[in-house]
N, C-alpha and C. Protein backbone atom coordinates (compact mmCIF):
# COMPACT_ATOMS: atom_id res chain seq x y z
N UNK A 1 24.73 21.11 -6.17
CA UNK A 1 23.62 20.45 -5.49
C UNK A 1 22.60 20.03 -6.53
N UNK A 2 22.08 18.82 -6.39
CA UNK A 2 21.09 18.30 -7.33
C UNK A 2 19.76 19.01 -7.14
N UNK A 3 19.01 19.10 -8.25
CA UNK A 3 17.68 19.69 -8.17
C UNK A 3 16.77 18.80 -7.32
N UNK A 4 15.89 19.41 -6.56
CA UNK A 4 14.93 18.66 -5.75
C UNK A 4 13.97 17.93 -6.68
N UNK A 5 13.54 16.74 -6.27
CA UNK A 5 12.58 15.97 -7.06
C UNK A 5 11.26 16.73 -7.12
N UNK A 6 10.61 16.63 -8.25
CA UNK A 6 9.31 17.27 -8.41
C UNK A 6 8.27 16.51 -7.60
N UNK A 7 7.41 17.22 -6.90
CA UNK A 7 6.36 16.61 -6.08
C UNK A 7 5.01 16.92 -6.71
N UNK A 8 4.22 15.87 -6.95
CA UNK A 8 2.87 16.02 -7.50
C UNK A 8 1.90 15.34 -6.55
N UNK A 9 0.72 15.91 -6.41
CA UNK A 9 -0.28 15.35 -5.50
C UNK A 9 -1.58 15.04 -6.21
N UNK A 10 -2.24 13.95 -5.78
CA UNK A 10 -3.57 13.59 -6.26
C UNK A 10 -4.51 13.77 -5.08
N UNK A 11 -5.35 14.78 -5.15
CA UNK A 11 -6.26 15.09 -4.06
C UNK A 11 -7.61 15.51 -4.64
N UNK A 12 -8.51 14.53 -4.87
CA UNK A 12 -9.79 14.87 -5.48
C UNK A 12 -10.69 15.74 -4.60
N UNK A 13 -10.33 15.93 -3.32
CA UNK A 13 -11.13 16.74 -2.42
C UNK A 13 -10.53 18.12 -2.18
N UNK A 14 -9.53 18.50 -2.96
CA UNK A 14 -8.91 19.83 -2.88
C UNK A 14 -8.58 20.26 -1.45
N UNK A 15 -7.96 19.37 -0.69
CA UNK A 15 -7.49 19.71 0.65
C UNK A 15 -8.52 19.61 1.76
N UNK A 16 -9.76 19.28 1.44
CA UNK A 16 -10.81 19.23 2.46
C UNK A 16 -10.54 18.18 3.54
N UNK A 17 -9.81 17.12 3.18
CA UNK A 17 -9.53 16.06 4.15
C UNK A 17 -8.20 16.28 4.89
N UNK A 18 -7.40 17.21 4.42
CA UNK A 18 -6.14 17.51 5.09
C UNK A 18 -4.97 16.66 4.63
N UNK A 19 -5.16 15.82 3.61
CA UNK A 19 -4.07 15.02 3.07
C UNK A 19 -4.37 14.67 1.62
N UNK A 20 -3.34 14.25 0.90
CA UNK A 20 -3.50 13.80 -0.47
C UNK A 20 -3.62 12.29 -0.49
N UNK A 21 -4.47 11.76 -1.34
CA UNK A 21 -4.61 10.31 -1.47
C UNK A 21 -3.36 9.69 -2.08
N UNK A 22 -2.68 10.45 -2.92
CA UNK A 22 -1.44 9.95 -3.52
C UNK A 22 -0.50 11.12 -3.76
N UNK A 23 0.78 10.85 -3.59
CA UNK A 23 1.81 11.84 -3.83
C UNK A 23 2.92 11.18 -4.63
N UNK A 24 3.33 11.83 -5.71
CA UNK A 24 4.42 11.32 -6.52
C UNK A 24 5.65 12.18 -6.29
N UNK A 25 6.75 11.53 -5.93
CA UNK A 25 8.03 12.21 -5.72
C UNK A 25 9.04 11.50 -6.61
N UNK A 26 9.52 12.20 -7.62
CA UNK A 26 10.40 11.53 -8.58
C UNK A 26 9.64 10.40 -9.25
N UNK A 27 10.18 9.17 -9.18
CA UNK A 27 9.54 8.03 -9.79
C UNK A 27 8.73 7.19 -8.82
N UNK A 28 8.54 7.66 -7.58
CA UNK A 28 7.81 6.90 -6.57
C UNK A 28 6.44 7.52 -6.31
N UNK A 29 5.45 6.66 -6.09
CA UNK A 29 4.10 7.11 -5.74
C UNK A 29 3.78 6.56 -4.35
N UNK A 30 3.35 7.44 -3.47
CA UNK A 30 2.95 7.07 -2.10
C UNK A 30 1.46 7.30 -1.97
N UNK A 31 0.74 6.32 -1.44
CA UNK A 31 -0.70 6.48 -1.24
C UNK A 31 -1.02 6.55 0.24
N UNK A 32 -2.17 7.11 0.57
CA UNK A 32 -2.61 7.22 1.96
C UNK A 32 -4.13 7.28 1.99
N UNK A 33 -4.71 6.75 3.04
CA UNK A 33 -6.15 6.90 3.25
C UNK A 33 -7.02 6.11 2.30
N UNK A 34 -6.49 5.04 1.70
CA UNK A 34 -7.29 4.21 0.79
C UNK A 34 -8.17 3.29 1.64
N UNK A 35 -9.39 3.71 1.83
CA UNK A 35 -10.30 2.97 2.71
C UNK A 35 -11.39 2.27 1.91
N UNK A 36 -12.02 1.29 2.53
CA UNK A 36 -13.07 0.51 1.88
C UNK A 36 -14.42 1.14 2.03
N UNK A 37 -14.65 2.19 1.28
CA UNK A 37 -15.92 2.90 1.36
C UNK A 37 -16.51 3.03 -0.05
N UNK A 38 -17.81 2.89 -0.15
CA UNK A 38 -18.48 3.04 -1.43
C UNK A 38 -18.52 4.53 -1.76
N UNK A 39 -17.85 4.92 -2.83
CA UNK A 39 -17.73 6.36 -3.15
C UNK A 39 -19.06 6.97 -3.60
N UNK A 40 -20.02 6.15 -4.01
CA UNK A 40 -21.32 6.67 -4.43
C UNK A 40 -22.25 6.91 -3.24
N UNK A 41 -22.19 5.99 -2.26
CA UNK A 41 -23.12 6.08 -1.13
C UNK A 41 -22.45 6.53 0.17
N UNK A 42 -21.13 6.53 0.20
CA UNK A 42 -20.33 6.86 1.38
C UNK A 42 -20.59 5.88 2.53
N UNK A 43 -20.95 4.65 2.19
CA UNK A 43 -21.19 3.62 3.19
C UNK A 43 -20.06 2.60 3.18
N UNK A 44 -19.77 2.08 4.37
CA UNK A 44 -18.79 1.01 4.52
C UNK A 44 -19.55 -0.30 4.56
N UNK A 45 -19.17 -1.28 3.73
CA UNK A 45 -19.89 -2.56 3.74
C UNK A 45 -19.76 -3.27 5.09
N UNK A 46 -20.73 -4.10 5.43
CA UNK A 46 -20.67 -4.91 6.65
C UNK A 46 -19.67 -6.04 6.52
N UNK A 47 -19.35 -6.43 5.31
CA UNK A 47 -18.52 -7.58 4.99
C UNK A 47 -17.06 -7.13 4.80
N UNK A 48 -16.13 -7.72 5.54
CA UNK A 48 -14.72 -7.34 5.47
C UNK A 48 -14.14 -7.52 4.07
N UNK A 49 -14.53 -8.61 3.39
CA UNK A 49 -14.01 -8.85 2.04
C UNK A 49 -14.45 -7.74 1.08
N UNK A 50 -15.71 -7.34 1.15
CA UNK A 50 -16.21 -6.26 0.29
C UNK A 50 -15.50 -4.95 0.61
N UNK A 51 -15.26 -4.71 1.90
CA UNK A 51 -14.56 -3.49 2.31
C UNK A 51 -13.13 -3.48 1.77
N UNK A 52 -12.46 -4.63 1.84
CA UNK A 52 -11.09 -4.73 1.32
C UNK A 52 -11.07 -4.51 -0.19
N UNK A 53 -12.04 -5.08 -0.89
CA UNK A 53 -12.11 -4.87 -2.36
C UNK A 53 -12.25 -3.38 -2.69
N UNK A 54 -13.11 -2.68 -1.96
CA UNK A 54 -13.28 -1.25 -2.20
C UNK A 54 -12.00 -0.47 -1.90
N UNK A 55 -11.29 -0.87 -0.86
CA UNK A 55 -10.02 -0.20 -0.53
C UNK A 55 -9.01 -0.38 -1.66
N UNK A 56 -8.93 -1.59 -2.22
CA UNK A 56 -8.01 -1.83 -3.33
C UNK A 56 -8.46 -1.10 -4.59
N UNK A 57 -9.76 -0.96 -4.80
CA UNK A 57 -10.25 -0.17 -5.93
C UNK A 57 -9.82 1.29 -5.77
N UNK A 58 -9.93 1.82 -4.54
CA UNK A 58 -9.51 3.19 -4.30
C UNK A 58 -8.01 3.33 -4.53
N UNK A 59 -7.23 2.38 -4.02
CA UNK A 59 -5.77 2.42 -4.22
C UNK A 59 -5.44 2.37 -5.71
N UNK A 60 -6.14 1.53 -6.45
CA UNK A 60 -5.91 1.42 -7.89
C UNK A 60 -6.17 2.75 -8.59
N UNK A 61 -7.24 3.42 -8.19
CA UNK A 61 -7.56 4.72 -8.78
C UNK A 61 -6.50 5.77 -8.47
N UNK A 62 -6.00 5.75 -7.25
CA UNK A 62 -4.94 6.70 -6.86
C UNK A 62 -3.68 6.45 -7.65
N UNK A 63 -3.31 5.18 -7.79
CA UNK A 63 -2.12 4.83 -8.56
C UNK A 63 -2.29 5.20 -10.03
N UNK A 64 -3.49 4.97 -10.56
CA UNK A 64 -3.77 5.27 -11.97
C UNK A 64 -3.61 6.76 -12.28
N UNK A 65 -3.84 7.61 -11.28
CA UNK A 65 -3.68 9.06 -11.49
C UNK A 65 -2.25 9.40 -11.90
N UNK A 66 -1.31 8.50 -11.58
CA UNK A 66 0.09 8.72 -11.95
C UNK A 66 0.61 7.67 -12.92
N UNK A 67 -0.31 6.93 -13.57
CA UNK A 67 0.08 5.95 -14.57
C UNK A 67 0.63 4.65 -13.98
N UNK A 68 0.32 4.36 -12.72
CA UNK A 68 0.80 3.14 -12.07
C UNK A 68 -0.37 2.20 -11.81
N UNK A 69 -0.05 0.95 -11.48
CA UNK A 69 -1.07 -0.05 -11.15
C UNK A 69 -0.65 -0.79 -9.88
N UNK A 70 -1.52 -1.66 -9.38
CA UNK A 70 -1.18 -2.46 -8.21
C UNK A 70 0.04 -3.34 -8.47
N UNK A 71 0.31 -3.68 -9.72
CA UNK A 71 1.49 -4.49 -10.06
C UNK A 71 2.78 -3.73 -9.78
N UNK A 72 2.70 -2.41 -9.67
CA UNK A 72 3.88 -1.58 -9.39
C UNK A 72 4.16 -1.41 -7.90
N UNK A 73 3.27 -1.88 -7.04
CA UNK A 73 3.41 -1.70 -5.59
C UNK A 73 4.58 -2.53 -5.07
N UNK A 74 5.46 -1.88 -4.29
CA UNK A 74 6.61 -2.61 -3.72
C UNK A 74 6.49 -2.80 -2.22
N UNK A 75 5.61 -2.07 -1.57
CA UNK A 75 5.42 -2.22 -0.12
C UNK A 75 4.02 -1.72 0.23
N UNK A 76 3.40 -2.39 1.20
CA UNK A 76 2.06 -2.00 1.60
C UNK A 76 1.89 -2.21 3.10
N UNK A 77 1.29 -1.24 3.75
CA UNK A 77 0.95 -1.37 5.17
C UNK A 77 -0.56 -1.25 5.28
N UNK A 78 -1.17 -2.18 6.01
CA UNK A 78 -2.62 -2.14 6.19
C UNK A 78 -2.95 -2.08 7.67
N UNK A 79 -4.05 -1.45 7.96
CA UNK A 79 -4.57 -1.37 9.32
C UNK A 79 -6.01 -1.88 9.28
N UNK A 80 -6.30 -2.85 10.11
CA UNK A 80 -7.66 -3.42 10.17
C UNK A 80 -8.18 -3.23 11.58
N UNK A 81 -9.31 -2.54 11.69
CA UNK A 81 -9.93 -2.32 12.99
C UNK A 81 -11.05 -3.33 13.19
N UNK A 82 -11.21 -3.78 14.38
CA UNK A 82 -12.29 -4.71 14.67
C UNK A 82 -11.76 -6.02 15.21
N UNK A 83 -12.64 -6.96 15.36
CA UNK A 83 -12.32 -8.24 15.95
C UNK A 83 -12.00 -9.26 14.86
N UNK A 84 -10.73 -9.65 14.76
CA UNK A 84 -10.31 -10.60 13.73
C UNK A 84 -11.01 -11.94 13.90
N UNK A 85 -11.47 -12.24 15.09
CA UNK A 85 -12.16 -13.51 15.33
C UNK A 85 -13.47 -13.60 14.54
N UNK A 86 -14.00 -12.46 14.09
CA UNK A 86 -15.25 -12.48 13.32
C UNK A 86 -15.00 -12.82 11.85
N UNK A 87 -13.73 -12.86 11.44
CA UNK A 87 -13.39 -13.18 10.06
C UNK A 87 -13.16 -14.68 9.94
N UNK A 88 -13.85 -15.35 9.02
CA UNK A 88 -13.66 -16.80 8.88
C UNK A 88 -12.19 -17.13 8.62
N UNK A 89 -11.70 -18.23 9.19
CA UNK A 89 -10.29 -18.64 9.02
C UNK A 89 -9.89 -18.71 7.56
N UNK A 90 -10.80 -19.15 6.70
CA UNK A 90 -10.48 -19.29 5.27
C UNK A 90 -10.18 -17.95 4.61
N UNK A 91 -10.57 -16.84 5.22
CA UNK A 91 -10.38 -15.50 4.66
C UNK A 91 -9.20 -14.77 5.29
N UNK A 92 -8.56 -15.36 6.31
CA UNK A 92 -7.48 -14.68 7.03
C UNK A 92 -6.13 -14.88 6.35
N UNK A 93 -5.25 -13.92 6.56
CA UNK A 93 -3.86 -14.03 6.13
C UNK A 93 -3.00 -14.17 7.38
N UNK A 94 -1.92 -14.88 7.29
CA UNK A 94 -1.01 -14.99 8.42
C UNK A 94 -1.38 -16.10 9.37
N UNK A 95 -0.68 -16.17 10.50
CA UNK A 95 -0.83 -17.29 11.43
C UNK A 95 -2.12 -17.29 12.24
N UNK A 96 -2.85 -16.20 12.31
CA UNK A 96 -4.07 -16.14 13.11
C UNK A 96 -5.20 -16.75 12.32
């Protein structure tokens, strides 16, 4: 039987949130909970674009903990809460 892959976790809150922001299993890194929040003020911007930028900054930091970058991402799932109609058409992705 092959040895189990080594599992490493990146959790800057030492379990206080109940999950790890990033987990490395073998050569793969999985991220979770990368939200658009200002880490200095704990505030969410009113502007969707600014919130998205902060979320990608958080994801970048999580990936960097394991020597990876956004260029290494092979799949991404996003969840956006709120009314998409409030986002200008020029800023939308997809058919909506």
